[in-house]
């Protein structure tokens, strides 16, 4: 079991993911959030909700009204979050391109997370680009967390091999 590394000290205008709470907090944001895939804008909003959980880069949940739902192909893949409930996944398909399990949502989240019902989150590494206020997002390492890493946050970030015990 790898020991948890020291958290980085945030600079001006930054947040440390180690200051995020557990269970996760919901943080509505008016930042411009854009998801692109196959030369298409898949999602665009100023009404996203960031989910902030200790050691994890934020995941941005976008209202389904601001997502091109015609590009989503619902998968049989499901997961369960101890805090939010059961998640449904979808592949993203545009033209001849398909990205398996590119996004997920909680159709009936637990009461504490009811405000993300009807919101979709995307894995930055499974689409062409995610942007937050014009800044290109870097996805979390690893396959479990769909975190969005920007210059605004510092880690270290949970997700890569060897971090499961943090």
N, C-alpha and C. Protein backbone atom coordinates (compact mmCIF):
# COMPACT_ATOMS: atom_id res chain seq x y z
N UNK A 1 0.85 -1.17 0.00
CA UNK A 1 0.00 0.00 0.00
C UNK A 1 0.89 1.23 0.00
N UNK A 2 0.72 2.06 -1.02
CA UNK A 2 1.53 3.26 -1.15
C UNK A 2 1.04 4.32 -0.17
N UNK A 3 1.97 4.98 0.53
CA UNK A 3 1.53 6.05 1.44
C UNK A 3 1.01 7.24 0.63
N UNK A 4 0.09 7.96 1.23
CA UNK A 4 -0.44 9.15 0.57
C UNK A 4 0.65 10.21 0.52
N UNK A 5 0.91 10.74 -0.66
CA UNK A 5 1.92 11.80 -0.75
C UNK A 5 1.41 13.09 -0.13
N UNK A 6 2.30 14.00 0.11
CA UNK A 6 1.93 15.31 0.65
C UNK A 6 1.12 16.09 -0.36
N UNK A 7 0.12 16.78 0.13
CA UNK A 7 -0.68 17.62 -0.77
C UNK A 7 0.14 18.84 -1.16
N UNK A 8 -0.08 19.28 -2.38
CA UNK A 8 0.60 20.48 -2.88
C UNK A 8 -0.07 21.71 -2.29
N UNK A 9 0.69 22.73 -2.07
CA UNK A 9 0.14 23.98 -1.54
C UNK A 9 -0.47 24.77 -2.70
N UNK A 10 -1.75 25.13 -2.60
CA UNK A 10 -2.35 25.91 -3.69
C UNK A 10 -1.78 27.32 -3.76
N UNK A 11 -1.64 27.81 -4.99
CA UNK A 11 -1.23 29.19 -5.21
C UNK A 11 -2.45 30.09 -5.28
N UNK A 12 -2.25 31.35 -5.58
CA UNK A 12 -3.38 32.28 -5.71
C UNK A 12 -4.38 31.78 -6.75
N UNK A 13 -5.66 31.75 -6.38
CA UNK A 13 -6.71 31.34 -7.30
C UNK A 13 -6.81 29.84 -7.50
N UNK A 14 -6.06 29.05 -6.74
CA UNK A 14 -6.09 27.59 -6.88
C UNK A 14 -6.78 26.95 -5.68
N UNK A 15 -7.21 25.70 -5.89
CA UNK A 15 -7.80 24.87 -4.84
C UNK A 15 -6.98 23.59 -4.74
N UNK A 16 -6.87 23.06 -3.53
CA UNK A 16 -6.27 21.74 -3.35
C UNK A 16 -7.39 20.72 -3.26
N UNK A 17 -7.26 19.64 -4.01
CA UNK A 17 -8.28 18.58 -3.94
C UNK A 17 -8.29 17.93 -2.56
N UNK A 18 -7.24 18.14 -1.77
CA UNK A 18 -7.19 17.59 -0.42
C UNK A 18 -8.00 18.42 0.56
N UNK A 19 -8.48 19.59 0.12
CA UNK A 19 -9.39 20.40 0.93
C UNK A 19 -10.85 20.11 0.60
N UNK A 20 -11.09 19.31 -0.44
CA UNK A 20 -12.47 18.94 -0.78
C UNK A 20 -12.98 17.95 0.27
N UNK A 21 -14.29 17.93 0.51
CA UNK A 21 -14.85 17.09 1.58
C UNK A 21 -15.13 15.65 1.14
N UNK A 22 -15.41 14.85 2.14
CA UNK A 22 -15.90 13.49 1.94
C UNK A 22 -17.01 13.31 2.95
N UNK A 23 -18.24 13.04 2.58
CA UNK A 23 -18.73 12.82 1.23
C UNK A 23 -18.59 14.07 0.36
N UNK A 24 -18.69 13.86 -0.97
CA UNK A 24 -18.46 14.95 -1.92
C UNK A 24 -19.46 16.10 -1.76
N UNK A 25 -18.98 17.28 -2.15
CA UNK A 25 -19.81 18.48 -2.17
C UNK A 25 -20.24 18.78 -3.61
N UNK A 26 -21.36 19.44 -3.75
CA UNK A 26 -21.84 19.90 -5.05
C UNK A 26 -21.60 21.39 -5.14
N UNK A 27 -21.02 21.82 -6.26
CA UNK A 27 -20.65 23.22 -6.44
C UNK A 27 -21.14 23.72 -7.79
N UNK A 28 -22.33 24.34 -7.84
CA UNK A 28 -22.80 24.91 -9.11
C UNK A 28 -21.81 25.96 -9.60
N UNK A 29 -21.60 26.00 -10.91
CA UNK A 29 -20.64 26.95 -11.47
C UNK A 29 -21.21 27.61 -12.72
N UNK A 30 -20.82 28.86 -12.92
CA UNK A 30 -21.22 29.57 -14.14
C UNK A 30 -20.09 29.58 -15.16
N UNK A 31 -19.00 28.82 -14.91
CA UNK A 31 -17.92 28.71 -15.88
C UNK A 31 -18.48 28.16 -17.19
N UNK A 32 -17.88 28.55 -18.30
CA UNK A 32 -18.28 28.01 -19.60
C UNK A 32 -17.62 26.64 -19.76
N UNK A 33 -18.44 25.61 -19.82
CA UNK A 33 -17.97 24.23 -19.93
C UNK A 33 -18.37 23.71 -21.31
N UNK A 34 -17.38 23.20 -22.06
CA UNK A 34 -17.60 22.73 -23.43
C UNK A 34 -16.97 21.35 -23.58
N UNK A 35 -17.68 20.45 -24.24
CA UNK A 35 -17.17 19.11 -24.57
C UNK A 35 -17.26 18.96 -26.09
N UNK A 36 -16.13 18.54 -26.71
CA UNK A 36 -16.08 18.38 -28.17
C UNK A 36 -15.66 16.95 -28.51
N UNK A 37 -16.25 16.45 -29.59
CA UNK A 37 -15.92 15.11 -30.08
C UNK A 37 -16.26 15.05 -31.57
N UNK A 38 -15.33 14.54 -32.36
CA UNK A 38 -15.54 14.35 -33.80
C UNK A 38 -16.01 15.64 -34.48
N UNK A 39 -15.31 16.73 -34.19
CA UNK A 39 -15.61 18.03 -34.79
C UNK A 39 -17.01 18.54 -34.46
N UNK A 40 -17.55 18.10 -33.34
CA UNK A 40 -18.87 18.55 -32.91
C UNK A 40 -18.81 19.03 -31.47
N UNK A 41 -19.63 20.00 -31.16
CA UNK A 41 -19.82 20.39 -29.77
C UNK A 41 -20.89 19.46 -29.21
N UNK A 42 -20.49 18.63 -28.28
CA UNK A 42 -21.39 17.65 -27.67
C UNK A 42 -22.16 18.29 -26.52
N UNK A 43 -21.50 19.19 -25.81
CA UNK A 43 -22.13 19.86 -24.68
C UNK A 43 -21.54 21.26 -24.53
N UNK A 44 -22.39 22.16 -24.08
CA UNK A 44 -21.95 23.56 -23.84
C UNK A 44 -22.91 24.14 -22.81
N UNK A 45 -22.34 24.65 -21.71
CA UNK A 45 -23.20 25.18 -20.66
C UNK A 45 -22.47 26.17 -19.77
N UNK A 46 -23.24 26.97 -19.10
CA UNK A 46 -22.78 27.79 -17.97
C UNK A 46 -23.56 27.40 -16.72
N UNK A 47 -24.14 26.19 -16.75
CA UNK A 47 -24.97 25.71 -15.64
C UNK A 47 -24.49 24.37 -15.11
N UNK A 48 -23.19 24.11 -15.19
CA UNK A 48 -22.65 22.83 -14.71
C UNK A 48 -22.62 22.80 -13.19
N UNK A 49 -22.48 21.59 -12.68
CA UNK A 49 -22.28 21.37 -11.25
C UNK A 49 -20.98 20.58 -11.10
N UNK A 50 -20.07 21.12 -10.31
CA UNK A 50 -18.84 20.39 -10.01
C UNK A 50 -19.09 19.49 -8.81
N UNK A 51 -18.63 18.25 -8.89
CA UNK A 51 -18.66 17.35 -7.74
C UNK A 51 -17.24 17.32 -7.20
N UNK A 52 -17.10 17.73 -5.93
CA UNK A 52 -15.80 17.90 -5.29
C UNK A 52 -15.65 16.86 -4.18
N UNK A 53 -14.68 15.96 -4.35
CA UNK A 53 -14.46 14.91 -3.35
C UNK A 53 -12.97 14.84 -3.02
N UNK A 54 -12.67 14.64 -1.75
CA UNK A 54 -11.29 14.58 -1.27
C UNK A 54 -10.41 13.77 -2.21
N UNK A 55 -9.32 14.38 -2.64
CA UNK A 55 -8.25 13.77 -3.46
C UNK A 55 -8.60 13.59 -4.93
N UNK A 56 -9.82 13.90 -5.34
CA UNK A 56 -10.24 13.69 -6.73
C UNK A 56 -10.34 15.03 -7.46
N UNK A 57 -9.85 15.09 -8.70
CA UNK A 57 -10.16 16.29 -9.49
C UNK A 57 -11.68 16.40 -9.66
N UNK A 58 -12.21 17.60 -9.76
CA UNK A 58 -13.66 17.73 -9.90
C UNK A 58 -14.18 17.03 -11.16
N UNK A 59 -15.37 16.50 -11.05
CA UNK A 59 -16.12 16.04 -12.22
C UNK A 59 -17.17 17.10 -12.49
N UNK A 60 -17.33 17.47 -13.76
CA UNK A 60 -18.32 18.47 -14.15
C UNK A 60 -19.56 17.75 -14.68
N UNK A 61 -20.70 18.04 -14.10
CA UNK A 61 -21.98 17.47 -14.53
C UNK A 61 -22.75 18.55 -15.27
N UNK A 62 -23.15 18.23 -16.49
CA UNK A 62 -23.76 19.19 -17.41
C UNK A 62 -25.24 18.87 -17.57
N UNK A 63 -26.11 19.87 -17.43
CA UNK A 63 -27.55 19.61 -17.61
C UNK A 63 -27.81 18.96 -18.97
N UNK A 64 -28.64 17.93 -18.98
CA UNK A 64 -28.91 17.20 -20.23
C UNK A 64 -29.50 18.11 -21.31
N UNK A 65 -30.17 19.20 -20.92
CA UNK A 65 -30.68 20.17 -21.90
C UNK A 65 -29.55 20.81 -22.70
N UNK A 66 -28.33 20.78 -22.16
CA UNK A 66 -27.17 21.40 -22.80
C UNK A 66 -26.23 20.37 -23.43
N UNK A 67 -26.72 19.14 -23.58
CA UNK A 67 -25.95 18.03 -24.17
C UNK A 67 -26.69 17.56 -25.42
N UNK A 68 -25.95 17.25 -26.48
CA UNK A 68 -26.55 16.68 -27.69
C UNK A 68 -26.79 15.19 -27.43
N UNK A 69 -27.93 14.90 -26.85
CA UNK A 69 -28.27 13.53 -26.43
C UNK A 69 -28.38 12.57 -27.61
N UNK A 70 -28.59 13.08 -28.82
CA UNK A 70 -28.69 12.22 -30.00
C UNK A 70 -27.37 11.49 -30.28
N UNK A 71 -26.27 11.97 -29.70
CA UNK A 71 -24.96 11.34 -29.92
C UNK A 71 -24.65 10.25 -28.90
N UNK A 72 -25.52 10.08 -27.90
CA UNK A 72 -25.27 9.09 -26.85
C UNK A 72 -25.96 7.76 -27.16
N UNK A 73 -25.24 6.68 -26.93
CA UNK A 73 -25.77 5.32 -27.10
C UNK A 73 -25.66 4.64 -25.74
N UNK A 74 -26.79 4.48 -25.08
CA UNK A 74 -26.80 3.93 -23.72
C UNK A 74 -26.19 2.54 -23.71
N UNK A 75 -25.33 2.31 -22.73
CA UNK A 75 -24.65 1.03 -22.55
C UNK A 75 -25.35 0.23 -21.45
N UNK A 76 -25.02 -1.03 -21.37
CA UNK A 76 -25.52 -1.85 -20.26
C UNK A 76 -24.63 -1.70 -19.02
N UNK A 77 -23.50 -1.01 -19.16
CA UNK A 77 -22.55 -0.84 -18.06
C UNK A 77 -23.16 0.04 -16.96
N UNK A 78 -23.03 -0.41 -15.72
CA UNK A 78 -23.52 0.34 -14.56
C UNK A 78 -22.47 0.28 -13.47
N UNK A 79 -22.44 1.33 -12.65
CA UNK A 79 -21.62 1.32 -11.45
C UNK A 79 -22.45 1.88 -10.31
N UNK A 80 -21.95 1.69 -9.09
CA UNK A 80 -22.64 2.22 -7.92
C UNK A 80 -21.65 3.04 -7.11
N UNK A 81 -22.04 4.26 -6.82
CA UNK A 81 -21.27 5.15 -5.94
C UNK A 81 -21.91 5.10 -4.56
N UNK A 82 -21.08 4.96 -3.55
CA UNK A 82 -21.61 4.89 -2.19
C UNK A 82 -22.35 6.16 -1.79
N UNK A 83 -22.07 7.27 -2.46
CA UNK A 83 -22.71 8.54 -2.11
C UNK A 83 -23.86 8.88 -3.05
N UNK A 84 -23.67 8.67 -4.34
CA UNK A 84 -24.63 9.17 -5.34
C UNK A 84 -25.63 8.14 -5.84
N UNK A 85 -25.31 6.86 -5.73
CA UNK A 85 -26.22 5.82 -6.20
C UNK A 85 -25.73 5.17 -7.49
N UNK A 86 -26.68 4.66 -8.29
CA UNK A 86 -26.34 3.92 -9.51
C UNK A 86 -26.15 4.86 -10.71
N UNK A 87 -25.04 4.64 -11.41
CA UNK A 87 -24.73 5.42 -12.62
C UNK A 87 -24.98 4.58 -13.86
N UNK A 88 -25.49 5.23 -14.89
CA UNK A 88 -25.69 4.64 -16.22
C UNK A 88 -24.64 5.26 -17.13
N UNK A 89 -24.09 4.46 -18.04
CA UNK A 89 -23.04 4.92 -18.96
C UNK A 89 -23.54 4.90 -20.39
N UNK A 90 -22.86 5.69 -21.22
CA UNK A 90 -23.20 5.71 -22.64
C UNK A 90 -21.92 5.86 -23.46
N UNK A 91 -21.97 5.27 -24.67
CA UNK A 91 -20.94 5.51 -25.66
C UNK A 91 -21.30 6.81 -26.37
N UNK A 92 -20.30 7.46 -26.91
CA UNK A 92 -20.50 8.67 -27.68
C UNK A 92 -20.23 8.32 -29.14
N UNK A 93 -21.17 8.65 -30.02
CA UNK A 93 -21.03 8.29 -31.43
C UNK A 93 -21.34 9.50 -32.31
N UNK A 94 -20.40 9.83 -33.17
CA UNK A 94 -20.59 10.93 -34.13
C UNK A 94 -19.89 10.54 -35.42
N UNK A 95 -20.65 10.53 -36.51
CA UNK A 95 -20.08 10.10 -37.79
C UNK A 95 -19.58 8.67 -37.67
N UNK A 96 -18.33 8.46 -38.05
CA UNK A 96 -17.74 7.11 -37.99
C UNK A 96 -16.96 6.86 -36.70
N UNK A 97 -17.03 7.81 -35.80
CA UNK A 97 -16.27 7.66 -34.54
C UNK A 97 -17.17 7.27 -33.39
N UNK A 98 -16.63 6.41 -32.55
CA UNK A 98 -17.35 5.97 -31.36
C UNK A 98 -16.36 5.95 -30.19
N UNK A 99 -16.76 6.46 -29.06
CA UNK A 99 -15.96 6.43 -27.84
C UNK A 99 -16.74 5.65 -26.78
N UNK A 100 -16.30 4.43 -26.50
CA UNK A 100 -17.01 3.61 -25.51
C UNK A 100 -17.00 4.23 -24.12
N UNK A 101 -18.14 4.16 -23.47
CA UNK A 101 -18.30 4.60 -22.08
C UNK A 101 -17.70 5.99 -21.85
N UNK A 102 -18.03 6.91 -22.73
CA UNK A 102 -17.48 8.27 -22.67
C UNK A 102 -18.14 9.14 -21.61
N UNK A 103 -19.33 8.75 -21.17
CA UNK A 103 -20.05 9.59 -20.21
C UNK A 103 -20.94 8.76 -19.31
N UNK A 104 -21.42 9.40 -18.25
CA UNK A 104 -22.30 8.72 -17.31
C UNK A 104 -23.21 9.73 -16.64
N UNK A 105 -24.24 9.22 -15.98
CA UNK A 105 -25.17 10.07 -15.22
C UNK A 105 -25.86 9.22 -14.18
N UNK A 106 -26.49 9.91 -13.24
CA UNK A 106 -27.26 9.27 -12.17
C UNK A 106 -28.72 9.61 -12.39
N UNK A 107 -29.50 8.69 -12.95
CA UNK A 107 -30.91 9.01 -13.23
C UNK A 107 -31.73 9.22 -11.96
N UNK A 108 -31.38 8.53 -10.89
CA UNK A 108 -32.10 8.65 -9.62
C UNK A 108 -31.08 8.70 -8.48
N UNK A 109 -30.34 9.80 -8.39
CA UNK A 109 -29.31 9.86 -7.34
C UNK A 109 -29.94 9.88 -5.95
N UNK A 110 -29.13 9.63 -4.95
CA UNK A 110 -29.60 9.71 -3.57
C UNK A 110 -30.08 11.14 -3.30
N UNK A 111 -30.84 11.29 -2.23
CA UNK A 111 -31.45 12.59 -1.92
C UNK A 111 -30.41 13.71 -1.81
N UNK A 112 -29.27 13.43 -1.22
CA UNK A 112 -28.24 14.46 -1.04
C UNK A 112 -27.67 14.96 -2.37
N UNK A 113 -27.82 14.17 -3.44
CA UNK A 113 -27.26 14.53 -4.75
C UNK A 113 -28.35 14.71 -5.80
N UNK A 114 -29.57 14.95 -5.36
CA UNK A 114 -30.71 15.09 -6.28
C UNK A 114 -30.49 16.17 -7.33
N UNK A 115 -29.69 17.18 -7.02
CA UNK A 115 -29.51 18.28 -7.98
C UNK A 115 -28.69 17.88 -9.20
N UNK A 116 -28.05 16.70 -9.20
CA UNK A 116 -27.34 16.27 -10.43
C UNK A 116 -28.17 15.29 -11.25
N UNK A 117 -29.39 15.00 -10.82
CA UNK A 117 -30.29 14.20 -11.67
C UNK A 117 -30.49 14.99 -12.96
N UNK A 118 -30.45 14.30 -14.09
CA UNK A 118 -30.60 15.00 -15.37
C UNK A 118 -29.34 15.71 -15.83
N UNK A 119 -28.20 15.39 -15.24
CA UNK A 119 -26.90 15.96 -15.64
C UNK A 119 -25.99 14.83 -16.12
N UNK A 120 -25.17 15.12 -17.11
CA UNK A 120 -24.25 14.14 -17.72
C UNK A 120 -22.82 14.59 -17.46
N UNK A 121 -21.96 13.63 -17.10
CA UNK A 121 -20.54 13.93 -16.95
C UNK A 121 -19.74 13.14 -17.97
N UNK A 122 -18.66 13.72 -18.45
CA UNK A 122 -17.83 13.10 -19.49
C UNK A 122 -16.43 12.84 -18.97
N UNK A 123 -15.83 11.75 -19.43
CA UNK A 123 -14.41 11.48 -19.19
C UNK A 123 -13.61 12.33 -20.18
N UNK A 124 -12.80 13.27 -19.71
CA UNK A 124 -12.02 14.09 -20.64
C UNK A 124 -11.13 13.27 -21.57
N UNK A 125 -10.62 12.15 -21.11
CA UNK A 125 -9.75 11.32 -21.94
C UNK A 125 -10.47 10.50 -22.99
N UNK A 126 -11.79 10.53 -22.99
CA UNK A 126 -12.57 9.75 -23.96
C UNK A 126 -13.29 10.62 -24.97
N UNK A 127 -13.03 11.92 -24.92
CA UNK A 127 -13.56 12.85 -25.92
C UNK A 127 -12.36 13.61 -26.50
N UNK A 128 -12.59 14.43 -27.50
CA UNK A 128 -11.47 15.15 -28.10
C UNK A 128 -10.98 16.30 -27.23
N UNK A 129 -11.93 17.05 -26.68
CA UNK A 129 -11.56 18.18 -25.82
C UNK A 129 -12.65 18.50 -24.84
N UNK A 130 -12.22 18.85 -23.64
CA UNK A 130 -13.10 19.47 -22.65
C UNK A 130 -12.46 20.80 -22.30
N UNK A 131 -13.27 21.82 -22.20
CA UNK A 131 -12.78 23.16 -21.89
C UNK A 131 -13.57 23.73 -20.72
N UNK A 132 -12.87 24.45 -19.85
CA UNK A 132 -13.50 25.19 -18.77
C UNK A 132 -13.01 26.64 -18.89
N UNK A 133 -13.95 27.52 -19.21
CA UNK A 133 -13.62 28.93 -19.45
C UNK A 133 -12.44 29.07 -20.41
N UNK A 134 -12.44 28.26 -21.47
CA UNK A 134 -11.43 28.34 -22.52
C UNK A 134 -10.17 27.55 -22.25
N UNK A 135 -9.98 27.06 -21.03
CA UNK A 135 -8.79 26.26 -20.70
C UNK A 135 -9.04 24.80 -21.02
N UNK A 136 -8.12 24.19 -21.78
CA UNK A 136 -8.26 22.77 -22.08
C UNK A 136 -7.98 21.95 -20.84
N UNK A 137 -8.87 21.01 -20.58
CA UNK A 137 -8.82 20.16 -19.41
C UNK A 137 -7.93 18.95 -19.69
N UNK A 138 -7.24 18.53 -18.65
CA UNK A 138 -6.50 17.26 -18.70
C UNK A 138 -7.30 16.28 -17.85
N UNK A 139 -7.50 15.06 -18.37
CA UNK A 139 -8.24 14.05 -17.63
C UNK A 139 -7.40 13.41 -16.55
N UNK A 140 -8.07 12.84 -15.58
CA UNK A 140 -7.40 12.09 -14.51
C UNK A 140 -6.68 10.89 -15.10
N UNK A 141 -5.55 10.53 -14.50
CA UNK A 141 -4.90 9.27 -14.85
C UNK A 141 -5.74 8.13 -14.30
N UNK A 142 -5.64 6.99 -14.92
CA UNK A 142 -6.40 5.84 -14.46
C UNK A 142 -7.77 5.81 -15.11
N UNK A 143 -8.52 4.78 -14.80
CA UNK A 143 -9.78 4.53 -15.48
C UNK A 143 -11.00 4.71 -14.59
N UNK A 144 -10.79 5.00 -13.32
CA UNK A 144 -11.92 5.00 -12.40
C UNK A 144 -12.59 6.35 -12.25
N UNK A 145 -11.81 7.41 -12.12
CA UNK A 145 -12.36 8.73 -11.87
C UNK A 145 -12.42 9.54 -13.15
N UNK A 146 -13.48 10.30 -13.31
CA UNK A 146 -13.64 11.13 -14.50
C UNK A 146 -13.30 12.58 -14.22
N UNK A 147 -12.26 12.81 -13.44
CA UNK A 147 -11.92 14.16 -13.01
C UNK A 147 -11.39 15.04 -14.13
N UNK A 148 -11.64 16.33 -13.96
CA UNK A 148 -11.22 17.36 -14.92
C UNK A 148 -10.12 18.18 -14.25
N UNK A 149 -8.90 18.08 -14.75
CA UNK A 149 -7.77 18.79 -14.16
C UNK A 149 -7.51 20.06 -14.95
N UNK A 150 -7.55 21.18 -14.23
CA UNK A 150 -7.23 22.49 -14.80
C UNK A 150 -6.12 23.11 -13.95
N UNK A 151 -5.62 24.26 -14.38
CA UNK A 151 -4.59 24.98 -13.63
C UNK A 151 -5.14 25.48 -12.29
N UNK A 152 -6.43 25.44 -12.13
CA UNK A 152 -7.09 25.94 -10.92
C UNK A 152 -6.94 24.99 -9.73
N UNK A 153 -6.60 23.72 -9.98
CA UNK A 153 -6.53 22.76 -8.88
C UNK A 153 -5.14 22.14 -8.78
N UNK A 154 -4.79 21.73 -7.56
CA UNK A 154 -3.53 21.04 -7.32
C UNK A 154 -3.82 19.74 -6.59
N UNK A 155 -2.89 18.80 -6.69
CA UNK A 155 -3.06 17.46 -6.12
C UNK A 155 -2.11 17.21 -4.97
N UNK A 156 -1.64 15.99 -4.94
CA UNK A 156 -1.71 14.94 -5.95
C UNK A 156 -3.13 14.40 -6.08
N UNK A 157 -3.40 13.79 -7.24
CA UNK A 157 -4.75 13.34 -7.59
C UNK A 157 -4.86 11.82 -7.48
N UNK A 158 -5.93 11.38 -6.86
CA UNK A 158 -6.21 9.95 -6.79
C UNK A 158 -6.65 9.46 -8.17
N UNK A 159 -6.26 8.24 -8.52
CA UNK A 159 -6.66 7.66 -9.80
C UNK A 159 -5.62 6.78 -10.43
N UNK A 160 -4.34 7.22 -10.48
CA UNK A 160 -3.33 6.36 -11.10
C UNK A 160 -3.10 5.09 -10.30
N UNK A 161 -2.48 4.08 -10.91
CA UNK A 161 -2.16 2.85 -10.17
C UNK A 161 -1.40 3.18 -8.88
N UNK A 162 -1.75 2.48 -7.81
CA UNK A 162 -1.09 2.67 -6.52
C UNK A 162 -1.74 3.70 -5.63
N UNK A 163 -2.83 4.35 -6.10
CA UNK A 163 -3.47 5.39 -5.29
C UNK A 163 -4.80 4.94 -4.70
N UNK A 164 -5.22 3.72 -4.94
CA UNK A 164 -6.53 3.27 -4.49
C UNK A 164 -6.67 3.32 -2.97
N UNK A 165 -5.59 3.19 -2.24
CA UNK A 165 -5.67 3.15 -0.77
C UNK A 165 -5.66 4.54 -0.13
N UNK A 166 -5.53 5.60 -0.91
CA UNK A 166 -5.50 6.93 -0.31
C UNK A 166 -6.81 7.30 0.32
